[in-house]
Amino acid sequence: MKLAHARNSLGVRVRTFEADLNHLDRIPDLVGKLKTAAGHIDVLTNQTAVFALTREVWMAMVARGSGSIIMKSSMASRYSIPSGGRIMATS
């Protein structure tokens, strides 16, 4: 609901896609649909560490000769969380 509202308030240049990234074999199709809809992918912000998606987008960016991938992670990968375990993440 929030995503649809944000998309509608921003205008026609915003496209949203839903995908179940648990099915790794479907990721190349997803990236193909994104490229078809947008022409190419300029920036990928990866907060969920879906490396199969990152790899597919990276290959398209390398083939095109440009693009940026922003990897985000939790600060919990560097610090302990009181009364909790340690979350492992890349940074």
N, C-alpha and C. Protein backbone atom coordinates (compact mmCIF):
# COMPACT_ATOMS: atom_id res chain seq x y z
N MET A 1 0.82 -1.19 0.00
CA MET A 1 0.00 0.00 0.00
C MET A 1 0.86 1.26 0.00
N LYS A 2 1.88 1.29 0.89
CA LYS A 2 2.76 2.46 0.95
C LYS A 2 3.55 2.62 -0.35
N LEU A 3 3.99 1.50 -0.91
CA LEU A 3 4.76 1.55 -2.15
C LEU A 3 3.92 2.11 -3.29
N ALA A 4 2.68 1.66 -3.39
CA ALA A 4 1.79 2.17 -4.44
C ALA A 4 1.54 3.66 -4.25
N HIS A 5 1.35 4.10 -3.03
CA HIS A 5 1.13 5.53 -2.76
C HIS A 5 2.37 6.33 -3.15
N ALA A 6 3.55 5.87 -2.77
CA ALA A 6 4.79 6.57 -3.12
C ALA A 6 4.96 6.63 -4.64
N ARG A 7 4.71 5.53 -5.31
CA ARG A 7 4.82 5.49 -6.77
C ARG A 7 3.87 6.49 -7.41
N ASN A 8 2.64 6.51 -6.96
CA ASN A 8 1.64 7.42 -7.54
C ASN A 8 1.98 8.88 -7.28
N SER A 9 2.55 9.18 -6.13
CA SER A 9 2.89 10.57 -5.83
C SER A 9 4.14 11.03 -6.57
N LEU A 10 5.01 10.10 -6.98
CA LEU A 10 6.24 10.47 -7.68
C LEU A 10 6.06 10.59 -9.18
N GLY A 11 5.10 9.90 -9.75
CA GLY A 11 4.85 10.04 -11.18
C GLY A 11 5.21 8.82 -12.00
N VAL A 12 5.19 8.99 -13.30
CA VAL A 12 5.32 7.85 -14.22
C VAL A 12 6.73 7.29 -14.33
N ARG A 13 7.75 8.01 -13.90
CA ARG A 13 9.11 7.52 -14.02
C ARG A 13 9.42 6.43 -12.99
N VAL A 14 8.54 6.20 -12.07
CA VAL A 14 8.77 5.21 -11.03
C VAL A 14 8.05 3.92 -11.41
N ARG A 15 8.79 2.83 -11.41
CA ARG A 15 8.20 1.52 -11.67
C ARG A 15 8.50 0.62 -10.49
N THR A 16 7.55 -0.20 -10.13
CA THR A 16 7.77 -1.14 -9.03
C THR A 16 7.63 -2.55 -9.56
N PHE A 17 8.38 -3.44 -8.98
CA PHE A 17 8.36 -4.85 -9.36
C PHE A 17 8.35 -5.68 -8.09
N GLU A 18 7.58 -6.73 -8.10
CA GLU A 18 7.58 -7.67 -6.99
C GLU A 18 8.21 -8.95 -7.46
N ALA A 19 9.00 -9.55 -6.58
CA ALA A 19 9.65 -10.81 -6.93
C ALA A 19 9.95 -11.60 -5.67
N ASP A 20 9.83 -12.90 -5.76
CA ASP A 20 10.22 -13.79 -4.68
C ASP A 20 11.67 -14.18 -4.93
N LEU A 21 12.58 -13.58 -4.20
CA LEU A 21 14.01 -13.81 -4.43
C LEU A 21 14.49 -15.11 -3.81
N ASN A 22 13.58 -15.89 -3.24
CA ASN A 22 13.94 -17.23 -2.77
C ASN A 22 14.11 -18.20 -3.93
N HIS A 23 13.59 -17.85 -5.08
CA HIS A 23 13.71 -18.69 -6.27
C HIS A 23 14.86 -18.14 -7.13
N LEU A 24 16.06 -18.59 -6.83
CA LEU A 24 17.25 -18.04 -7.50
C LEU A 24 17.22 -18.23 -9.01
N ASP A 25 16.57 -19.29 -9.47
CA ASP A 25 16.51 -19.55 -10.91
C ASP A 25 15.65 -18.52 -11.65
N ARG A 26 14.84 -17.74 -10.93
CA ARG A 26 13.98 -16.72 -11.55
C ARG A 26 14.64 -15.35 -11.62
N ILE A 27 15.79 -15.17 -10.98
CA ILE A 27 16.43 -13.86 -10.92
C ILE A 27 16.87 -13.36 -12.29
N PRO A 28 17.47 -14.18 -13.15
CA PRO A 28 17.82 -13.66 -14.48
C PRO A 28 16.60 -13.13 -15.25
N ASP A 29 15.45 -13.80 -15.12
CA ASP A 29 14.22 -13.30 -15.75
C ASP A 29 13.81 -11.96 -15.18
N LEU A 30 13.91 -11.82 -13.86
CA LEU A 30 13.56 -10.56 -13.20
C LEU A 30 14.43 -9.42 -13.73
N VAL A 31 15.74 -9.65 -13.79
CA VAL A 31 16.65 -8.61 -14.28
C VAL A 31 16.33 -8.28 -15.74
N GLY A 32 16.00 -9.30 -16.53
CA GLY A 32 15.60 -9.06 -17.92
C GLY A 32 14.36 -8.19 -18.01
N LYS A 33 13.36 -8.43 -17.14
CA LYS A 33 12.15 -7.61 -17.13
C LYS A 33 12.46 -6.17 -16.71
N LEU A 34 13.35 -6.02 -15.73
CA LEU A 34 13.74 -4.68 -15.30
C LEU A 34 14.41 -3.92 -16.44
N LYS A 35 15.33 -4.59 -17.14
CA LYS A 35 16.03 -3.94 -18.26
C LYS A 35 15.07 -3.61 -19.39
N THR A 36 14.11 -4.50 -19.67
CA THR A 36 13.12 -4.24 -20.72
C THR A 36 12.26 -3.03 -20.36
N ALA A 37 11.84 -2.96 -19.12
CA ALA A 37 10.96 -1.86 -18.68
C ALA A 37 11.70 -0.52 -18.61
N ALA A 38 12.95 -0.55 -18.16
CA ALA A 38 13.67 0.70 -17.91
C ALA A 38 14.74 1.02 -18.95
N GLY A 39 15.08 0.07 -19.78
CA GLY A 39 16.16 0.27 -20.75
C GLY A 39 17.48 -0.23 -20.23
N HIS A 40 17.80 0.10 -18.99
CA HIS A 40 18.98 -0.42 -18.31
C HIS A 40 18.87 -0.09 -16.83
N ILE A 41 19.74 -0.66 -16.03
CA ILE A 41 19.74 -0.41 -14.59
C ILE A 41 20.97 0.42 -14.28
N ASP A 42 20.76 1.61 -13.73
CA ASP A 42 21.87 2.51 -13.40
C ASP A 42 22.43 2.24 -12.01
N VAL A 43 21.53 2.00 -11.04
CA VAL A 43 21.96 1.85 -9.65
C VAL A 43 21.16 0.73 -9.00
N LEU A 44 21.86 -0.12 -8.27
CA LEU A 44 21.21 -1.14 -7.43
C LEU A 44 21.62 -0.86 -6.00
N THR A 45 20.66 -0.67 -5.12
CA THR A 45 20.95 -0.55 -3.70
C THR A 45 20.57 -1.87 -3.06
N ASN A 46 21.56 -2.57 -2.55
CA ASN A 46 21.36 -3.91 -2.02
C ASN A 46 21.44 -3.86 -0.52
N GLN A 47 20.29 -3.95 0.13
CA GLN A 47 20.23 -3.94 1.58
C GLN A 47 20.00 -5.33 2.13
N THR A 48 19.52 -6.22 1.32
CA THR A 48 19.15 -7.54 1.80
C THR A 48 20.18 -8.61 1.50
N ALA A 49 21.28 -8.23 0.88
CA ALA A 49 22.38 -9.15 0.57
C ALA A 49 21.92 -10.32 -0.30
N VAL A 50 21.11 -10.03 -1.29
CA VAL A 50 20.71 -11.05 -2.27
C VAL A 50 21.78 -11.04 -3.35
N PHE A 51 22.79 -11.87 -3.15
CA PHE A 51 23.96 -11.82 -4.02
C PHE A 51 23.68 -12.33 -5.42
N ALA A 52 22.71 -13.21 -5.57
CA ALA A 52 22.36 -13.67 -6.92
C ALA A 52 21.79 -12.51 -7.74
N LEU A 53 20.99 -11.67 -7.12
CA LEU A 53 20.45 -10.49 -7.81
C LEU A 53 21.57 -9.51 -8.13
N THR A 54 22.44 -9.28 -7.16
CA THR A 54 23.57 -8.36 -7.36
C THR A 54 24.44 -8.85 -8.52
N ARG A 55 24.71 -10.14 -8.57
CA ARG A 55 25.54 -10.70 -9.64
C ARG A 55 24.92 -10.47 -11.02
N GLU A 56 23.63 -10.71 -11.14
CA GLU A 56 22.94 -10.52 -12.43
C GLU A 56 22.98 -9.07 -12.87
N VAL A 57 22.70 -8.16 -11.95
CA VAL A 57 22.71 -6.73 -12.28
C VAL A 57 24.13 -6.29 -12.60
N TRP A 58 25.11 -6.76 -11.84
CA TRP A 58 26.51 -6.41 -12.08
C TRP A 58 26.93 -6.84 -13.49
N MET A 59 26.56 -8.05 -13.90
CA MET A 59 26.93 -8.51 -15.24
C MET A 59 26.35 -7.60 -16.32
N ALA A 60 25.11 -7.14 -16.13
CA ALA A 60 24.50 -6.22 -17.10
C ALA A 60 25.23 -4.89 -17.11
N MET A 61 25.64 -4.42 -15.93
CA MET A 61 26.36 -3.15 -15.85
C MET A 61 27.74 -3.26 -16.51
N VAL A 62 28.42 -4.36 -16.30
CA VAL A 62 29.74 -4.57 -16.92
C VAL A 62 29.59 -4.59 -18.44
N ALA A 63 28.58 -5.30 -18.93
CA ALA A 63 28.36 -5.37 -20.37
C ALA A 63 28.08 -3.99 -20.96
N ARG A 64 27.37 -3.14 -20.21
CA ARG A 64 27.03 -1.80 -20.67
C ARG A 64 28.17 -0.82 -20.45
N GLY A 65 29.06 -1.13 -19.51
CA GLY A 65 30.20 -0.26 -19.24
C GLY A 65 29.95 0.82 -18.20
N SER A 66 28.82 0.73 -17.48
CA SER A 66 28.56 1.72 -16.43
C SER A 66 27.50 1.20 -15.47
N GLY A 67 27.46 1.82 -14.30
CA GLY A 67 26.48 1.47 -13.28
C GLY A 67 27.12 1.48 -11.91
N SER A 68 26.31 1.50 -10.88
CA SER A 68 26.80 1.51 -9.50
C SER A 68 25.98 0.54 -8.66
N ILE A 69 26.65 -0.14 -7.76
CA ILE A 69 25.98 -1.01 -6.80
C ILE A 69 26.36 -0.51 -5.41
N ILE A 70 25.36 -0.22 -4.61
CA ILE A 70 25.56 0.26 -3.25
C ILE A 70 25.20 -0.87 -2.31
N MET A 71 26.17 -1.33 -1.54
CA MET A 71 25.93 -2.41 -0.59
C MET A 71 25.74 -1.80 0.79
N LYS A 72 24.64 -2.14 1.43
CA LYS A 72 24.34 -1.63 2.77
C LYS A 72 24.30 -2.81 3.72
N SER A 73 24.74 -2.58 4.94
CA SER A 73 24.65 -3.65 5.94
C SER A 73 24.33 -3.05 7.29
N SER A 74 24.05 -3.91 8.21
CA SER A 74 23.71 -3.50 9.55
C SER A 74 24.98 -3.20 10.35
N MET A 75 24.91 -2.20 11.21
CA MET A 75 26.03 -1.92 12.11
C MET A 75 26.21 -3.07 13.10
N ALA A 76 25.20 -3.91 13.22
CA ALA A 76 25.29 -5.05 14.14
C ALA A 76 26.38 -6.02 13.73
N SER A 77 26.86 -5.92 12.48
CA SER A 77 27.95 -6.79 12.06
C SER A 77 29.26 -6.37 12.70
N ARG A 78 29.30 -5.16 13.24
CA ARG A 78 30.52 -4.65 13.87
C ARG A 78 30.42 -4.57 15.39
N TYR A 79 29.21 -4.55 15.93
CA TYR A 79 29.02 -4.36 17.37
C TYR A 79 28.10 -5.42 17.93
N SER A 80 28.32 -5.74 19.21
CA SER A 80 27.43 -6.69 19.88
C SER A 80 26.09 -6.03 20.18
N ILE A 81 25.06 -6.84 20.20
CA ILE A 81 23.73 -6.37 20.54
C ILE A 81 23.43 -6.91 21.94
N PRO A 82 23.14 -6.01 22.91
CA PRO A 82 22.83 -6.49 24.25
C PRO A 82 21.70 -7.53 24.23
N SER A 83 21.90 -8.58 24.99
CA SER A 83 20.96 -9.70 25.10
C SER A 83 20.55 -10.27 23.74
N GLY A 84 21.50 -10.31 22.86
CA GLY A 84 21.22 -10.89 21.54
C GLY A 84 22.50 -11.44 20.94
N GLY A 85 22.35 -12.13 19.89
CA GLY A 85 23.50 -12.67 19.18
C GLY A 85 24.14 -11.61 18.31
N ARG A 86 25.07 -12.04 17.54
CA ARG A 86 25.76 -11.13 16.62
C ARG A 86 25.24 -11.42 15.22
N ILE A 87 24.87 -10.39 14.49
CA ILE A 87 24.39 -10.54 13.13
C ILE A 87 25.59 -10.43 12.20
N MET A 88 25.78 -11.42 11.38
CA MET A 88 26.92 -11.39 10.45
C MET A 88 26.46 -10.76 9.14
N ALA A 89 27.19 -9.78 8.68
CA ALA A 89 26.87 -9.12 7.43
C ALA A 89 28.15 -8.60 6.81
N THR A 90 28.11 -8.33 5.54
CA THR A 90 29.27 -7.75 4.88
C THR A 90 29.14 -6.25 4.87
N SER A 91 30.25 -5.59 4.79
CA SER A 91 30.21 -4.13 4.70
C SER A 91 31.29 -3.67 3.73
